[in-house]
């Protein structure tokens, strides 16, 4: 049988009667396979876009600059700054005891 042959009603009745319908099922599967083979192949997926700017990323082959120079302070200076910040945030009405602030004058 070829895929171009179209059966008439009598042929379908004969295929259904022979082999409990196995011939008809085989014929229908052959028709489906022939239809799938005639389809146009799927178009290839589009080429990926060239990588552009990725937000937050450094350009390829580079790295962020080193630490800022103001970060290279001794730990004692950092501790004093943290203590001053903590005193001014949590105890604004009391004199700061960070060691860098002048004492508040009370009248």
C-alpha atoms as a PDB file:
ATOM      1  CA  UNK A   1       0.000   0.000   0.000  1.00  0.00           C
ATOM      2  CA  UNK A   2       1.203   3.497  -0.726  1.00  0.00           C
ATOM      3  CA  UNK A   3       0.509   6.571   1.333  1.00  0.00           C
ATOM      4  CA  UNK A   4      -1.268   8.292  -1.607  1.00  0.00           C
ATOM      5  CA  UNK A   5      -3.912   5.595  -1.973  1.00  0.00           C
ATOM      6  CA  UNK A   6      -7.286   6.561  -0.540  1.00  0.00           C
ATOM      7  CA  UNK A   7      -9.475   3.589   0.397  1.00  0.00           C
ATOM      8  CA  UNK A   8     -13.164   3.593  -0.406  1.00  0.00           C
ATOM      9  CA  UNK A   9     -15.901   2.440   1.967  1.00  0.00           C
ATOM     10  CA  UNK A  10     -15.723  -1.179   0.807  1.00  0.00           C
ATOM     11  CA  UNK A  11     -11.967  -1.335   1.437  1.00  0.00           C
ATOM     12  CA  UNK A  12     -12.389   0.060   4.963  1.00  0.00           C
ATOM     13  CA  UNK A  13     -15.124  -2.506   5.692  1.00  0.00           C
ATOM     14  CA  UNK A  14     -12.827  -5.284   4.457  1.00  0.00           C
ATOM     15  CA  UNK A  15      -9.874  -4.054   6.580  1.00  0.00           C
ATOM     16  CA  UNK A  16     -12.118  -3.808   9.643  1.00  0.00           C
ATOM     17  CA  UNK A  17     -13.415  -7.357   9.130  1.00  0.00           C
ATOM     18  CA  UNK A  18     -10.005  -8.986   8.574  1.00  0.00           C
ATOM     19  CA  UNK A  19      -7.896  -9.734  11.623  1.00  0.00           C
ATOM     20  CA  UNK A  20     -10.285  -8.136  14.122  1.00  0.00           C
ATOM     21  CA  UNK A  21      -9.496  -4.640  12.782  1.00  0.00           C
ATOM     22  CA  UNK A  22      -5.705  -5.025  12.998  1.00  0.00           C
ATOM     23  CA  UNK A  23      -5.377  -4.228   9.296  1.00  0.00           C
ATOM     24  CA  UNK A  24      -7.367  -1.027   9.689  1.00  0.00           C
ATOM     25  CA  UNK A  25      -5.277   0.059  12.705  1.00  0.00           C
ATOM     26  CA  UNK A  26      -2.059  -0.637  10.784  1.00  0.00           C
ATOM     27  CA  UNK A  27      -3.381   1.315   7.802  1.00  0.00           C
ATOM     28  CA  UNK A  28      -4.365   4.285   9.973  1.00  0.00           C
ATOM     29  CA  UNK A  29      -0.952   4.302  11.693  1.00  0.00           C
ATOM     30  CA  UNK A  30       0.684   4.253   8.256  1.00  0.00           C
ATOM     31  CA  UNK A  31      -1.473   7.217   7.180  1.00  0.00           C
ATOM     32  CA  UNK A  32      -0.514   9.149  10.314  1.00  0.00           C
ATOM     33  CA  UNK A  33       3.196   8.427   9.792  1.00  0.00           C
ATOM     34  CA  UNK A  34       2.955   9.533   6.157  1.00  0.00           C
ATOM     35  CA  UNK A  35       1.252  12.769   7.223  1.00  0.00           C
ATOM     36  CA  UNK A  36       3.938  13.476   9.806  1.00  0.00           C
ATOM     37  CA  UNK A  37       6.643  12.842   7.192  1.00  0.00           C
ATOM     38  CA  UNK A  38       5.037  15.358   4.813  1.00  0.00           C
ATOM     39  CA  UNK A  39       5.084  18.142   7.368  1.00  0.00           C
ATOM     40  CA  UNK A  40       7.565  20.922   6.980  1.00  0.00           C
ATOM     41  CA  UNK A  41      10.415  20.529   9.439  1.00  0.00           C
ATOM     42  CA  UNK A  42      10.215  22.807  12.422  1.00  0.00           C
ATOM     43  CA  UNK A  43      12.163  26.020  11.945  1.00  0.00           C
ATOM     44  CA  UNK A  44      15.409  26.078  13.871  1.00  0.00           C
ATOM     45  CA  UNK A  45      15.289  28.084  17.065  1.00  0.00           C
ATOM     46  CA  UNK A  46      16.524  31.642  16.713  1.00  0.00           C
ATOM     47  CA  UNK A  47      20.175  32.211  17.452  1.00  0.00           C
ATOM     48  CA  UNK A  48      20.748  33.414  20.991  1.00  0.00           C
ATOM     49  CA  UNK A  49      21.188  37.131  21.358  1.00  0.00           C
ATOM     50  CA  UNK A  50      24.708  38.284  22.066  1.00  0.00           C
ATOM     51  CA  UNK A  51      25.250  38.926  25.726  1.00  0.00           C
ATOM     52  CA  UNK A  52      24.630  42.518  26.589  1.00  0.00           C
ATOM     53  CA  UNK A  53      24.826  44.314  29.847  1.00  0.00           C
ATOM     54  CA  UNK A  54      23.965  42.143  32.807  1.00  0.00           C
ATOM     55  CA  UNK A  55      22.818  44.406  35.636  1.00  0.00           C
ATOM     56  CA  UNK A  56      25.117  44.198  38.602  1.00  0.00           C
ATOM     57  CA  UNK A  57      27.838  42.246  36.846  1.00  0.00           C
ATOM     58  CA  UNK A  58      31.315  43.453  35.998  1.00  0.00           C
ATOM     59  CA  UNK A  59      32.353  43.210  32.351  1.00  0.00           C
ATOM     60  CA  UNK A  60      33.916  39.908  31.340  1.00  0.00           C
ATOM     61  CA  UNK A  61      37.619  39.712  32.132  1.00  0.00           C
ATOM     62  CA  UNK A  62      37.534  42.444  34.748  1.00  0.00           C
ATOM     63  CA  UNK A  63      37.014  42.565  38.482  1.00  0.00           C
ATOM     64  CA  UNK A  64      35.793  45.207  40.875  1.00  0.00           C
ATOM     65  CA  UNK A  65      38.349  47.621  42.278  1.00  0.00           C
ATOM     66  CA  UNK A  66      39.986  46.852  45.589  1.00  0.00           C
ATOM     67  CA  UNK A  67      38.813  48.005  48.982  1.00  0.00           C
ATOM     68  CA  UNK A  68      38.317  51.746  49.396  1.00  0.00           C
ATOM     69  CA  UNK A  69      41.185  53.357  51.317  1.00  0.00           C
ATOM     70  CA  UNK A  70      38.851  54.538  54.065  1.00  0.00           C
ATOM     71  CA  UNK A  71      38.191  50.897  54.970  1.00  0.00           C
ATOM     72  CA  UNK A  72      41.829  50.395  55.923  1.00  0.00           C
ATOM     73  CA  UNK A  73      41.453  52.171  59.255  1.00  0.00           C
ATOM     74  CA  UNK A  74      42.651  50.529  62.465  1.00  0.00           C
ATOM     75  CA  UNK A  75      40.034  48.542  64.407  1.00  0.00           C
ATOM     76  CA  UNK A  76      40.091  51.011  67.309  1.00  0.00           C
ATOM     77  CA  UNK A  77      38.870  53.813  65.031  1.00  0.00           C
ATOM     78  CA  UNK A  78      36.065  51.603  63.720  1.00  0.00           C
ATOM     79  CA  UNK A  79      35.072  50.664  67.267  1.00  0.00           C
ATOM     80  CA  UNK A  80      34.959  54.331  68.300  1.00  0.00           C
ATOM     81  CA  UNK A  81      32.809  55.198  65.285  1.00  0.00           C
ATOM     82  CA  UNK A  82      30.389  52.394  66.055  1.00  0.00           C
ATOM     83  CA  UNK A  83      30.186  53.432  69.691  1.00  0.00           C
ATOM     84  CA  UNK A  84      29.510  57.062  68.695  1.00  0.00           C
ATOM     85  CA  UNK A  85      26.794  55.995  66.246  1.00  0.00           C
ATOM     86  CA  UNK A  86      25.196  53.723  68.836  1.00  0.00           C
ATOM     87  CA  UNK A  87      25.245  56.494  71.461  1.00  0.00           C
ATOM     88  CA  UNK A  88      23.719  59.101  69.135  1.00  0.00           C
ATOM     89  CA  UNK A  89      21.024  56.726  67.841  1.00  0.00           C
ATOM     90  CA  UNK A  90      19.932  55.099  71.087  1.00  0.00           C
ATOM     91  CA  UNK A  91      20.728  57.781  73.656  1.00  0.00           C
ATOM     92  CA  UNK A  92      20.354  61.142  71.880  1.00  0.00           C
ATOM     93  CA  UNK A  93      19.578  63.055  75.077  1.00  0.00           C
ATOM     94  CA  UNK A  94      22.653  61.794  76.974  1.00  0.00           C
ATOM     95  CA  UNK A  95      26.254  62.895  76.507  1.00  0.00           C
ATOM     96  CA  UNK A  96      28.297  60.697  74.173  1.00  0.00           C
ATOM     97  CA  UNK A  97      31.078  58.671  75.806  1.00  0.00           C
ATOM     98  CA  UNK A  98      32.858  57.588  72.628  1.00  0.00           C
ATOM     99  CA  UNK A  99      35.988  59.544  73.541  1.00  0.00           C
ATOM    100  CA  UNK A 100      35.950  61.784  70.460  1.00  0.00           C
ATOM    101  CA  UNK A 101      33.015  64.032  71.322  1.00  0.00           C
ATOM    102  CA  UNK A 102      33.449  67.070  73.538  1.00  0.00           C
ATOM    103  CA  UNK A 103      31.367  66.888  76.723  1.00  0.00           C
ATOM    104  CA  UNK A 104      27.973  68.543  76.449  1.00  0.00           C
ATOM    105  CA  UNK A 105      27.541  71.655  78.468  1.00  0.00           C
ATOM    106  CA  UNK A 106      24.606  71.734  80.823  1.00  0.00           C
ATOM    107  CA  UNK A 107      23.191  75.055  81.966  1.00  0.00           C
END
